[in-house]
Amino acid sequence: MKTMTILKDRTKNLLILLLVAIYLLNPVDVIPDVVPAGGWLDDVLIVLWAVFKITENNNKGIRSFLEMVQGLLAVGVLLVILFMTLCILLIMSLIK
């Protein structure tokens, strides 16, 4: 039974790594990489999410670290939303 759990976890982890690699190599991002700072922020958030998902079943030391990372992810998402809002407002002010 434990072997099946390990195999399922390994398959899940490989799938997560594959999807993250595809996202990072794909030129189409949520925030294009040409946008200063914001373009790389979504990539960093995806990598942090992958690390969280892959290591979430490990020991307490890693879990406490991941809880901190999860908090950073939430802050990162808010920063992305704020950055996108500012970009939209800037573009709207330039159009007028």
Protein backbone atom coordinates (compact mmCIF):
# COMPACT_ATOMS: atom_id res chain seq x y z
CA MET A 1 0.00 0.00 0.00
CA LYS A 2 2.79 2.40 0.89
CA THR A 3 4.51 1.61 -2.43
CA MET A 4 1.39 2.70 -4.35
CA THR A 5 1.30 5.98 -2.41
CA ILE A 6 4.96 6.62 -3.20
CA LEU A 7 4.37 5.90 -6.90
CA LYS A 8 1.32 8.19 -6.98
CA ASP A 9 3.32 10.94 -5.27
CA ARG A 10 6.23 10.48 -7.66
CA THR A 11 3.91 10.61 -10.69
CA LYS A 12 2.17 13.71 -9.31
CA ASN A 13 5.52 15.41 -8.66
CA LEU A 14 6.80 14.61 -12.15
CA LEU A 15 3.58 15.96 -13.66
CA ILE A 16 3.88 19.16 -11.63
CA LEU A 17 7.51 19.60 -12.72
CA LEU A 18 6.58 18.97 -16.36
CA LEU A 19 3.74 21.50 -16.28
CA VAL A 20 5.93 24.12 -14.59
CA ALA A 21 8.69 23.57 -17.17
CA ILE A 22 6.18 23.95 -20.01
CA TYR A 23 4.82 27.15 -18.47
CA LEU A 24 8.31 28.61 -17.97
CA LEU A 25 9.40 27.75 -21.52
CA ASN A 26 6.16 28.90 -23.12
CA PRO A 27 6.43 32.46 -24.45
CA VAL A 28 2.78 33.15 -23.50
CA ASP A 29 2.56 34.03 -19.79
CA VAL A 30 -0.09 35.54 -17.54
CA ILE A 31 2.19 38.59 -17.36
CA PRO A 32 4.51 38.84 -20.41
CA ASP A 33 8.21 38.64 -19.57
CA VAL A 34 8.83 41.99 -21.30
CA VAL A 35 6.98 43.74 -18.45
CA PRO A 36 9.69 44.90 -16.02
CA ALA A 37 9.70 42.92 -12.74
CA GLY A 38 6.10 41.82 -13.13
CA GLY A 39 6.94 39.56 -16.04
CA TRP A 40 9.15 37.39 -13.89
CA LEU A 41 6.92 37.57 -10.82
CA ASP A 42 4.37 35.12 -12.22
CA ASP A 43 7.21 32.70 -13.06
CA VAL A 44 8.56 32.91 -9.52
CA LEU A 45 5.08 32.33 -8.10
CA ILE A 46 4.61 29.24 -10.26
CA VAL A 47 7.95 27.81 -9.12
CA LEU A 48 7.13 28.50 -5.46
CA TRP A 49 3.75 26.85 -5.88
CA ALA A 50 5.42 23.78 -7.42
CA VAL A 51 7.88 23.53 -4.52
CA PHE A 52 4.97 23.79 -2.10
CA LYS A 53 2.96 21.07 -3.82
CA ILE A 54 5.90 18.68 -4.21
CA THR A 55 7.08 18.91 -0.61
CA GLU A 56 3.76 19.36 1.19
CA ASN A 57 3.70 15.77 2.53
CA ASN A 58 7.13 15.92 4.16
CA ASN A 59 8.20 16.48 7.78
CA LYS A 60 7.30 19.34 10.16
CA GLY A 61 10.39 21.46 9.45
CA ILE A 62 9.59 21.56 5.76
CA ARG A 63 5.90 22.11 6.52
CA SER A 64 6.60 25.20 8.63
CA PHE A 65 8.85 26.54 5.88
CA LEU A 66 6.12 25.88 3.33
CA GLU A 67 3.54 27.68 5.42
CA MET A 68 5.80 30.71 5.27
CA VAL A 69 6.16 30.25 1.50
CA GLN A 70 2.40 29.97 1.21
CA GLY A 71 2.09 33.35 2.92
CA LEU A 72 4.63 34.77 0.49
CA LEU A 73 2.62 33.33 -2.40
CA ALA A 74 -0.47 35.15 -1.17
CA VAL A 75 1.49 38.40 -0.96
CA GLY A 76 2.93 37.74 -4.42
CA VAL A 77 -0.51 37.25 -5.91
CA LEU A 78 -1.68 40.51 -4.37
CA LEU A 79 1.39 42.26 -5.78
CA VAL A 80 0.66 40.88 -9.25
CA ILE A 81 -2.93 42.13 -9.02
CA LEU A 82 -1.74 45.54 -7.83
CA PHE A 83 0.88 45.73 -10.59
CA MET A 84 -1.64 44.80 -13.28
CA THR A 85 -4.10 47.38 -11.94
CA LEU A 86 -1.44 50.08 -12.02
CA CYS A 87 -0.47 49.12 -15.57
CA ILE A 88 -4.10 49.32 -16.70
CA LEU A 89 -4.54 52.70 -15.02
CA LEU A 90 -1.34 53.99 -16.63
CA ILE A 91 -2.44 52.80 -20.07
CA MET A 92 -5.88 54.34 -19.61
CA SER A 93 -4.34 57.67 -18.58
CA LEU A 94 -2.06 57.65 -21.63
CA ILE A 95 -4.95 56.92 -24.00
CA LYS A 96 -6.94 59.97 -22.86
